[in-house]
Amino acid sequence: MSTSPVPVLGMILKGYPRISETFISNEILLLEKLGFAIHLFSMRQPRENFSHESVKKIRAKVDYLPETLIKPLPRLLYHNLFLAAKTPVVYAGALKAAYRRFLRTHKSATIKHLLQAGYLAHRFLPASGVTHLHAHFAHSPTSVAMFTSHLTGLPFSFTAHAKDIYTSDPRQLREKIGLARFVITCTEYNRRHLSKLSDGNATPIHRNYHGIDIKLFSDNNEIPKIPVQPYQILTIARLTAKKGLPTIYKALRILSDQGVSLHHTHIGGGEDREKIITLIKDLDLGSVTRLLGTQPHQVVLEHYKNADLFVLGCEVASNGDRDGIPNVLVESMAVGLPVVVTDISAIPELVQDGKTGLLVPPGQPGRLADAIMRMLKDTELRNRVIPAAREAVVKNFDNRQLIGDLAEVYRGKGIGQGAKGMGHGAQSIG
């Protein structure tokens, strides 16, 4: 696509920057530090008016694709018609692929993704130096990457995370895996699922955990505090079904009925905010709970340090959506805040019951309430779990090491040649 002497990795993102997707901005920043040249293509404008400090350090150019079909349709058609005129046979092939995919699901988003791909291919890629496309999330960003690959001949890959895996049409996802040069996913649970879904396809599927910047969260000089009433309980999660927030609030009601004095703080936004507010009122928990909405990193860090316990009630939602390994669990464990969480999906890859935290079945408020009190009152358990949890995070979730592993995956495919080497090799199958 270009005579530029520097090979550029083109990343297609759902939105950029996003406060809830620090793992992506951290990945971009660390890859840049390893010498990768990156160009970002975002499908949406920022939805928050603030961002993490790491975003300000990223040098990559960012271009934004039209978000919808109606208002920007003239621009989308302009670039797609020019591209179709230049390469009619190639464009016809992409159009045929889009039609085939549309027949499977009858979703108009397929048409939008093709038009966005044509816009990207004609408007931004020429002279960009991009030699490989990588999409974060297996749904719409990967659809745009796939169609762009059809239109340009550039190879593509993608990272599959959580909702994008389990709410996608399996036929659509299987096709993307088959066409991709390689796939990355953030848990072993996901890797096994995608491997089974790919049905013997030769596309390599690599596991690469999301890590955290250990230095930002870990403080090994702090002595674990002994919780006293009123206990300070923290939850950081999107207000959405898979987070199991009703289970948490029902558990808090049980504890309050037992005479336990506590305060619960929730950080995060989401589509179920009004439902949760109604539930809190119905359970008469308004005086002991607060919803702070989305908060910047420094505020979140202070809440980690001031809390006695971190609680999540993750579950599989009715549409199949589920978590992988929530980064907030990793952060809590790194900062020395013990965790009580449900045992779904890949969470047991991080939290070992009785060793690095406590695990309970999803959707059982009574079991969750019992585990909360055990972690708050059992001093010997806390003193054992807190250092073991920190050690597990440092060993397996240091993002510098993990991004080094990811860089080796890229370099193994001839991407980012000349970038500095590090890492000890990501787990993969092929």
Protein backbone atom coordinates (compact mmCIF):
# COMPACT_ATOMS: atom_id res chain seq x y z
CA MET A 1 0.00 0.00 0.00
CA SER A 2 3.00 2.29 0.35
CA THR A 3 6.64 2.91 -0.48
CA SER A 4 7.29 3.91 3.14
CA PRO A 5 10.53 2.28 4.42
CA VAL A 6 9.04 1.65 7.88
CA PRO A 7 6.52 -1.25 8.10
CA VAL A 8 3.47 -0.07 10.05
CA LEU A 9 1.06 -2.19 12.07
CA GLY A 10 -2.49 -0.93 11.49
CA MET A 11 -4.78 -1.48 14.49
CA ILE A 12 -8.56 -1.34 14.10
CA LEU A 13 -10.34 -0.52 17.36
CA LYS A 14 -14.00 -0.24 18.35
CA GLY A 15 -13.29 3.10 20.03
CA TYR A 16 -10.24 5.07 21.11
CA PRO A 17 -9.39 5.99 23.72
CA ARG A 18 -11.66 4.18 26.18
CA ILE A 19 -11.22 4.39 29.93
CA SER A 20 -12.40 0.78 30.37
CA GLU A 21 -9.89 -0.58 27.86
CA THR A 22 -6.58 0.31 29.47
CA PHE A 23 -5.25 -3.08 28.43
CA ILE A 24 -5.41 -1.94 24.80
CA SER A 25 -3.75 1.45 25.36
CA ASN A 26 -1.07 -0.19 27.50
CA GLU A 27 -0.46 -2.74 24.75
CA ILE A 28 -0.07 -0.01 22.13
CA LEU A 29 2.31 2.01 24.31
CA LEU A 30 4.51 -0.96 25.18
CA LEU A 31 4.65 -2.15 21.57
CA GLU A 32 5.78 1.34 20.58
CA LYS A 33 8.50 1.18 23.24
CA LEU A 34 9.64 -2.07 21.64
CA GLY A 35 10.04 -0.25 18.33
CA PHE A 36 6.76 -1.04 16.56
CA ALA A 37 5.31 1.66 14.31
CA ILE A 38 1.52 1.71 14.77
CA HIS A 39 -1.36 3.50 13.05
CA LEU A 40 -4.73 3.41 14.83
CA PHE A 41 -8.10 3.29 13.07
CA SER A 42 -11.02 3.80 15.44
CA MET A 43 -14.63 3.01 14.61
CA ARG A 44 -15.93 5.43 17.24
CA GLN A 45 -14.96 8.72 18.83
CA PRO A 46 -14.05 8.76 22.56
CA ARG A 47 -17.06 8.36 24.86
CA GLU A 48 -15.38 9.87 27.96
CA ASN A 49 -13.92 13.35 28.36
CA PHE A 50 -10.81 12.06 30.15
CA SER A 51 -8.28 9.28 29.60
CA HIS A 52 -5.47 7.48 31.39
CA GLU A 53 -1.99 8.99 31.46
CA SER A 54 -0.67 6.14 29.30
CA VAL A 55 -2.81 7.34 26.38
CA LYS A 56 -1.01 10.69 26.38
CA LYS A 57 2.30 8.91 25.81
CA ILE A 58 1.14 7.04 22.70
CA ARG A 59 2.63 8.45 19.49
CA ALA A 60 0.51 6.50 16.99
CA LYS A 61 -1.55 8.49 14.53
CA VAL A 62 -5.30 8.01 14.98
CA ASP A 63 -7.87 8.18 12.18
CA TYR A 64 -11.59 7.81 12.80
CA LEU A 65 -13.96 5.92 10.52
CA PRO A 66 -17.55 7.11 10.00
CA GLU A 67 -19.56 5.62 12.89
CA THR A 68 -22.97 5.25 11.28
CA LEU A 69 -24.48 4.75 7.84
CA ILE A 70 -27.04 7.53 7.39
CA LYS A 71 -25.32 10.89 7.89
CA PRO A 72 -21.86 9.92 6.56
CA LEU A 73 -23.30 7.81 3.71
CA PRO A 74 -22.14 10.22 0.94
CA ARG A 75 -18.52 9.99 2.19
CA LEU A 76 -18.72 6.23 2.52
CA LEU A 77 -20.17 5.82 -0.97
CA TYR A 78 -17.66 8.25 -2.50
CA HIS A 79 -14.64 6.26 -1.37
CA ASN A 80 -16.22 2.87 -2.02
CA LEU A 81 -17.29 3.78 -5.56
CA PHE A 82 -13.81 5.05 -6.37
CA LEU A 83 -12.29 1.86 -4.98
CA ALA A 84 -14.77 -0.30 -6.91
CA ALA A 85 -13.92 1.57 -10.13
CA LYS A 86 -10.19 1.00 -9.59
CA THR A 87 -10.45 -2.70 -8.71
CA PRO A 88 -13.87 -3.95 -9.87
CA VAL A 89 -13.10 -7.67 -9.63
CA VAL A 90 -11.65 -7.36 -6.13
CA TYR A 91 -14.51 -5.21 -4.91
CA ALA A 92 -17.05 -7.61 -6.39
CA GLY A 93 -15.40 -10.42 -4.39
CA ALA A 94 -15.69 -8.43 -1.15
CA LEU A 95 -19.31 -7.60 -1.97
CA LYS A 96 -20.04 -11.27 -2.54
CA ALA A 97 -18.47 -12.15 0.84
CA ALA A 98 -20.56 -9.47 2.55
CA TYR A 99 -23.74 -10.78 0.92
CA ARG A 100 -22.94 -14.32 2.05
CA ARG A 101 -22.40 -13.13 5.63
CA PHE A 102 -25.56 -11.00 5.53
CA LEU A 103 -27.65 -14.02 4.52
CA ARG A 104 -26.49 -15.83 7.67
CA THR A 105 -27.57 -13.17 10.17
CA HIS A 106 -29.59 -10.55 8.25
CA LYS A 107 -27.78 -7.79 10.14
CA SER A 108 -27.33 -4.46 8.38
CA ALA A 109 -24.06 -3.98 10.28
CA THR A 110 -22.44 -6.24 7.66
CA ILE A 111 -23.08 -3.60 4.99
CA LYS A 112 -21.73 -0.87 7.25
CA HIS A 113 -18.57 -2.85 7.93
CA LEU A 114 -17.95 -3.34 4.20
CA LEU A 115 -18.41 0.38 3.55
CA GLN A 116 -16.15 1.27 6.48
CA ALA A 117 -13.54 -1.10 5.09
CA GLY A 118 -13.76 0.52 1.66
CA TYR A 119 -13.42 3.96 3.28
CA LEU A 120 -10.38 2.77 5.23
CA ALA A 121 -8.79 1.15 2.18
CA HIS A 122 -9.26 4.15 -0.10
CA ARG A 123 -9.07 7.10 2.30
CA PHE A 124 -6.42 6.15 4.87
CA LEU A 125 -4.30 3.17 3.82
CA PRO A 126 -2.55 4.58 0.73
CA ALA A 127 0.81 6.05 1.79
CA SER A 128 0.19 4.91 5.40
CA GLY A 129 2.94 2.30 5.37
CA VAL A 130 0.59 -0.29 6.88
CA THR A 131 1.66 -3.83 6.02
CA HIS A 132 -0.56 -5.79 8.43
CA LEU A 133 -3.96 -5.16 10.03
CA HIS A 134 -4.80 -6.23 13.57
CA ALA A 135 -8.25 -5.79 15.13
CA HIS A 136 -9.12 -5.72 18.80
CA PHE A 137 -12.36 -7.64 19.46
CA ALA A 138 -13.68 -10.39 17.24
CA HIS A 139 -16.95 -8.74 16.25
CA SER A 140 -17.19 -5.45 14.31
CA PRO A 141 -13.49 -4.39 14.33
CA THR A 142 -12.50 -7.79 12.94
CA SER A 143 -15.29 -7.60 10.36
CA VAL A 144 -13.81 -4.31 9.13
CA ALA A 145 -10.31 -5.84 9.15
CA MET A 146 -11.52 -8.88 7.22
CA PHE A 147 -13.24 -6.81 4.52
CA THR A 148 -10.25 -4.46 4.31
CA SER A 149 -8.06 -7.50 3.77
CA HIS A 150 -10.41 -8.61 0.96
CA LEU A 151 -10.11 -5.18 -0.67
CA THR A 152 -6.37 -4.61 -0.28
CA GLY A 153 -4.70 -7.98 0.00
CA LEU A 154 -3.18 -7.02 3.34
CA PRO A 155 -3.09 -9.87 5.86
CA PHE A 156 -5.06 -9.45 9.07
CA SER A 157 -5.21 -10.90 12.56
CA PHE A 158 -7.35 -10.19 15.59
CA THR A 159 -7.52 -10.36 19.36
CA ALA A 160 -10.67 -11.97 20.78
CA HIS A 161 -11.61 -10.97 24.32
CA ALA A 162 -14.93 -11.94 25.95
CA LYS A 163 -18.34 -10.67 24.80
CA ASP A 164 -17.11 -10.56 21.22
CA ILE A 165 -16.47 -14.31 21.36
CA TYR A 166 -19.56 -15.59 23.13
CA THR A 167 -22.22 -13.36 21.57
CA SER A 168 -20.95 -13.69 17.99
CA ASP A 169 -22.58 -16.01 15.49
CA PRO A 170 -20.29 -19.10 15.54
CA ARG A 171 -20.41 -19.39 11.74
CA GLN A 172 -19.23 -15.80 11.31
CA LEU A 173 -16.49 -16.21 13.89
CA ARG A 174 -15.32 -19.51 12.39
CA GLU A 175 -14.96 -17.82 9.01
CA LYS A 176 -12.91 -14.98 10.50
CA ILE A 177 -10.59 -17.45 12.21
CA GLY A 178 -10.12 -19.30 8.94
CA LEU A 179 -9.24 -16.14 7.01
CA ALA A 180 -6.99 -14.60 9.67
CA ARG A 181 -3.24 -15.05 9.65
CA PHE A 182 -3.36 -15.73 13.40
CA VAL A 183 -5.62 -15.11 16.40
CA ILE A 184 -4.77 -13.91 19.89
CA THR A 185 -6.98 -14.29 22.95
CA CYS A 186 -6.56 -13.32 26.58
CA THR A 187 -7.31 -16.55 28.47
CA GLU A 188 -6.73 -20.28 28.17
CA TYR A 189 -10.49 -20.77 28.52
CA ASN A 190 -11.02 -18.64 25.41
CA ARG A 191 -8.19 -20.33 23.52
CA ARG A 192 -9.72 -23.75 24.02
CA HIS A 193 -13.17 -22.49 22.99
CA LEU A 194 -11.82 -20.87 19.81
CA SER A 195 -9.74 -23.92 18.99
CA LYS A 196 -12.82 -26.14 19.23
CA LEU A 197 -14.86 -23.65 17.20
CA SER A 198 -12.25 -23.48 14.45
CA ASP A 199 -12.85 -27.17 13.80
CA GLY A 200 -9.29 -28.13 12.89
CA ASN A 201 -8.51 -24.93 11.01
CA ALA A 202 -4.76 -24.36 10.66
CA THR A 203 -4.88 -20.75 11.89
CA PRO A 204 -2.63 -20.43 14.98
CA ILE A 205 -4.45 -19.34 18.14
CA HIS A 206 -2.24 -17.76 20.80
CA ARG A 207 -3.01 -17.12 24.45
CA ASN A 208 -1.68 -13.82 25.78
CA TYR A 209 -3.03 -12.63 29.11
CA HIS A 210 -3.87 -8.98 29.68
CA GLY A 211 -1.39 -7.72 32.21
CA ILE A 212 -1.01 -4.61 34.30
CA ASP A 213 1.82 -2.20 34.99
CA ILE A 214 3.03 -3.82 38.21
CA LYS A 215 4.75 -0.63 39.35
CA LEU A 216 1.47 1.30 39.32
CA PHE A 217 -0.32 -1.10 41.64
CA SER A 218 2.10 -3.17 43.68
CA ASP A 219 3.37 -1.82 47.00
CA ASN A 220 5.03 -4.61 48.92
CA ASN A 221 5.99 -2.32 51.80
CA GLU A 222 2.41 -2.05 53.02
CA ILE A 223 1.37 -4.24 55.95
CA PRO A 224 -2.07 -5.82 55.43
CA LYS A 225 -4.60 -3.98 57.58
CA ILE A 226 -7.08 -5.67 59.86
CA PRO A 227 -10.63 -4.83 58.74
CA VAL A 228 -12.97 -3.28 61.28
CA GLN A 229 -16.64 -2.36 60.99
CA PRO A 230 -18.01 -0.64 59.05
CA TYR A 231 -16.27 -2.82 56.45
CA GLN A 232 -15.33 -1.08 53.18
CA ILE A 233 -16.30 -3.28 50.22
CA LEU A 234 -15.43 -2.31 46.65
CA THR A 235 -16.72 -3.40 43.25
CA ILE A 236 -15.45 -2.06 39.93
CA ALA A 237 -17.45 -3.31 36.98
CA ARG A 238 -19.67 -2.23 34.12
CA LEU A 239 -23.33 -2.12 35.07
CA THR A 240 -24.24 -5.01 32.82
CA ALA A 241 -25.74 -8.47 33.26
CA LYS A 242 -22.55 -10.53 33.11
CA LYS A 243 -21.09 -8.76 36.16
CA GLY A 244 -23.68 -10.33 38.49
CA LEU A 245 -24.30 -7.16 40.48
CA PRO A 246 -27.73 -8.30 41.77
CA THR A 247 -25.98 -11.22 43.48
CA ILE A 248 -23.62 -8.79 45.22
CA TYR A 249 -26.41 -6.53 46.47
CA LYS A 250 -28.50 -9.47 47.68
CA ALA A 251 -25.43 -10.72 49.57
CA LEU A 252 -25.03 -7.27 51.14
CA ARG A 253 -28.68 -7.39 52.20
CA ILE A 254 -28.07 -10.74 53.89
CA LEU A 255 -25.07 -9.33 55.77
CA SER A 256 -26.95 -6.21 56.80
CA ASP A 257 -29.78 -8.39 58.16
CA GLN A 258 -27.16 -10.23 60.21
CA GLY A 259 -26.13 -6.97 61.82
CA VAL A 260 -22.92 -6.48 59.86
CA SER A 261 -21.98 -2.81 59.42
CA LEU A 262 -20.59 -2.15 55.94
CA HIS A 263 -20.23 0.37 53.13
CA HIS A 264 -20.20 -0.68 49.48
CA THR A 265 -18.73 1.42 46.68
CA HIS A 266 -19.32 0.70 43.01
CA ILE A 267 -17.23 2.27 40.23
CA GLY A 268 -18.22 1.97 36.58
CA GLY A 269 -20.95 2.90 34.12
CA GLY A 270 -23.21 0.80 31.97
CA GLU A 271 -26.60 0.18 30.44
CA ASP A 272 -28.12 -1.39 33.59
CA ARG A 273 -27.59 1.61 35.85
CA GLU A 274 -31.29 2.34 36.36
CA LYS A 275 -32.02 -1.35 37.05
CA ILE A 276 -29.31 -1.43 39.71
CA ILE A 277 -30.54 1.81 41.30
CA THR A 278 -34.03 0.30 41.50
CA LEU A 279 -32.65 -2.91 43.03
CA ILE A 280 -30.71 -0.97 45.65
CA LYS A 281 -33.91 0.88 46.62
CA ASP A 282 -35.93 -2.35 46.72
CA LEU A 283 -33.32 -3.94 49.01
CA ASP A 284 -33.22 -0.80 51.19
CA LEU A 285 -29.43 -0.50 50.76
CA GLY A 286 -29.31 3.18 49.78
CA SER A 287 -27.70 4.25 53.05
CA VAL A 288 -24.76 1.83 52.76
CA THR A 289 -24.05 1.89 49.01
CA ARG A 290 -22.89 4.45 46.47
CA LEU A 291 -22.50 4.41 42.68
CA LEU A 292 -19.63 6.63 41.58
CA GLY A 293 -19.78 6.00 37.83
CA THR A 294 -16.65 5.87 35.69
CA GLN A 295 -13.55 7.29 37.41
CA PRO A 296 -9.95 8.05 36.35
CA HIS A 297 -7.05 5.85 37.36
CA GLN A 298 -5.85 7.84 40.37
CA VAL A 299 -9.32 7.84 41.95
CA VAL A 300 -9.66 4.10 41.36
CA LEU A 301 -6.25 3.47 42.92
CA GLU A 302 -7.24 5.33 46.09
CA HIS A 303 -10.36 3.21 46.41
CA TYR A 304 -8.29 0.03 46.06
CA LYS A 305 -6.02 1.18 48.88
CA ASN A 306 -8.83 2.24 51.21
CA ALA A 307 -11.06 -0.84 50.78
CA ASP A 308 -11.08 -3.99 52.93
CA LEU A 309 -12.32 -6.34 50.22
CA PHE A 310 -12.98 -6.48 46.47
CA VAL A 311 -16.08 -8.39 45.32
CA LEU A 312 -17.35 -9.46 41.88
CA GLY A 313 -20.36 -11.64 41.10
CA CYS A 314 -19.61 -12.52 37.46
CA GLU A 315 -21.99 -14.88 35.66
CA VAL A 316 -22.91 -16.02 32.17
CA ALA A 317 -25.58 -13.66 30.83
CA SER A 318 -28.67 -14.91 29.02
CA ASN A 319 -27.12 -14.01 25.64
CA GLY A 320 -23.95 -16.00 26.43
CA ASP A 321 -21.86 -12.97 27.34
CA ARG A 322 -19.28 -13.59 30.06
CA ASP A 323 -16.04 -12.24 31.42
CA GLY A 324 -12.57 -13.50 30.70
CA ILE A 325 -10.28 -12.40 33.51
CA PRO A 326 -11.41 -8.93 34.62
CA ASN A 327 -8.38 -6.65 34.90
CA VAL A 328 -9.80 -5.16 38.09
CA LEU A 329 -9.20 -8.51 39.80
CA VAL A 330 -5.55 -8.43 38.75
CA GLU A 331 -5.21 -4.84 39.95
CA SER A 332 -6.86 -5.59 43.30
CA MET A 333 -4.56 -8.52 43.95
CA ALA A 334 -1.50 -6.49 42.98
CA VAL A 335 -2.36 -3.67 45.36
CA GLY A 336 -2.92 -6.06 48.27
CA LEU A 337 -6.72 -6.00 48.32
CA PRO A 338 -8.13 -9.54 48.75
CA VAL A 339 -10.82 -10.69 46.34
CA VAL A 340 -14.02 -12.72 46.54
CA VAL A 341 -15.36 -13.64 43.11
CA THR A 342 -17.39 -16.25 41.26
CA ASP A 343 -15.73 -19.24 39.60
CA ILE A 344 -16.92 -18.80 36.01
CA SER A 345 -15.02 -18.72 32.74
CA ALA A 346 -11.27 -18.07 33.07
CA ILE A 347 -11.37 -16.49 36.54
CA PRO A 348 -9.90 -19.65 38.17
CA GLU A 349 -6.83 -19.16 35.94
CA LEU A 350 -6.08 -16.14 38.17
CA VAL A 351 -7.84 -16.79 41.48
CA GLN A 352 -7.17 -20.07 43.29
CA ASP A 353 -9.75 -20.73 45.97
CA GLY A 354 -8.27 -20.38 49.44
CA LYS A 355 -4.82 -19.56 48.03
CA THR A 356 -5.04 -16.26 46.17
CA GLY A 357 -8.67 -15.38 46.92
CA LEU A 358 -12.04 -17.00 47.47
CA LEU A 359 -14.24 -18.48 44.73
CA VAL A 360 -17.99 -19.10 44.97
CA PRO A 361 -20.59 -20.33 42.46
CA PRO A 362 -22.40 -17.62 40.47
CA GLY A 363 -25.91 -16.49 41.36
CA GLN A 364 -25.78 -17.61 45.01
CA PRO A 365 -25.98 -14.58 47.34
CA GLY A 366 -25.84 -16.72 50.47
CA ARG A 367 -22.57 -18.35 49.46
CA LEU A 368 -21.17 -14.98 48.45
CA ALA A 369 -22.16 -13.43 51.80
CA ASP A 370 -20.45 -16.28 53.67
CA ALA A 371 -17.26 -15.85 51.63
CA ILE A 372 -17.26 -12.09 52.18
CA MET A 373 -17.41 -12.53 55.96
CA ARG A 374 -14.77 -15.25 55.91
CA MET A 375 -12.33 -13.03 54.04
CA LEU A 376 -13.07 -10.06 56.28
CA LYS A 377 -12.79 -11.87 59.62
CA ASP A 378 -10.24 -14.66 59.06
CA THR A 379 -6.95 -12.84 59.70
CA GLU A 380 -4.84 -15.92 59.04
CA LEU A 381 -6.53 -16.38 55.64
CA ARG A 382 -5.98 -12.74 54.68
CA ASN A 383 -2.33 -12.82 55.73
CA ARG A 384 -1.81 -15.91 53.59
CA VAL A 385 -3.85 -14.85 50.56
CA ILE A 386 -2.61 -11.26 50.13
CA PRO A 387 1.10 -12.03 49.50
CA ALA A 388 0.26 -15.14 47.45
CA ALA A 389 -2.07 -13.09 45.24
CA ARG A 390 0.60 -10.44 44.70
CA GLU A 391 3.13 -13.13 43.81
CA ALA A 392 0.74 -14.70 41.27
CA VAL A 393 0.18 -11.34 39.58
CA VAL A 394 3.88 -10.48 39.44
CA LYS A 395 4.70 -13.91 38.01
CA ASN A 396 1.94 -14.23 35.42
CA PHE A 397 0.39 -10.80 34.73
CA ASP A 398 3.27 -8.34 34.32
CA ASN A 399 2.27 -6.50 31.15
CA ARG A 400 5.86 -5.77 30.13
CA GLN A 401 6.61 -9.46 30.01
CA LEU A 402 3.32 -10.29 28.32
CA ILE A 403 3.66 -7.60 25.66
CA GLY A 404 7.16 -8.92 25.04
CA ASP A 405 5.56 -12.29 24.38
CA LEU A 406 3.01 -10.66 22.08
CA ALA A 407 5.79 -8.88 20.20
CA GLU A 408 7.43 -12.26 19.60
CA VAL A 409 4.18 -13.52 18.04
CA TYR A 410 4.16 -10.52 15.67
CA ARG A 411 7.83 -10.89 14.80
CA GLY A 412 7.34 -14.60 14.21
CA LYS A 413 4.93 -13.61 11.42
CA GLY A 414 7.36 -11.06 9.99
CA ILE A 415 5.54 -8.09 11.55
CA GLY A 416 7.58 -5.38 13.25
CA GLN A 417 10.91 -6.58 11.94
CA GLY A 418 13.70 -4.68 13.60
CA ALA A 419 11.73 -4.02 16.78
CA LYS A 420 13.58 -4.87 19.98
CA GLY A 421 13.15 -8.44 21.22
CA MET A 422 12.05 -9.59 24.67
CA GLY A 423 9.69 -12.07 26.27
CA HIS A 424 9.75 -15.78 26.91
CA GLY A 425 7.23 -16.98 24.30
CA ALA A 426 3.41 -16.98 24.33
CA GLN A 427 1.38 -20.15 24.64
CA SER A 428 -0.13 -21.16 21.31
CA ILE A 429 -1.55 -23.88 19.19
CA GLY A 430 -1.40 -24.17 15.47
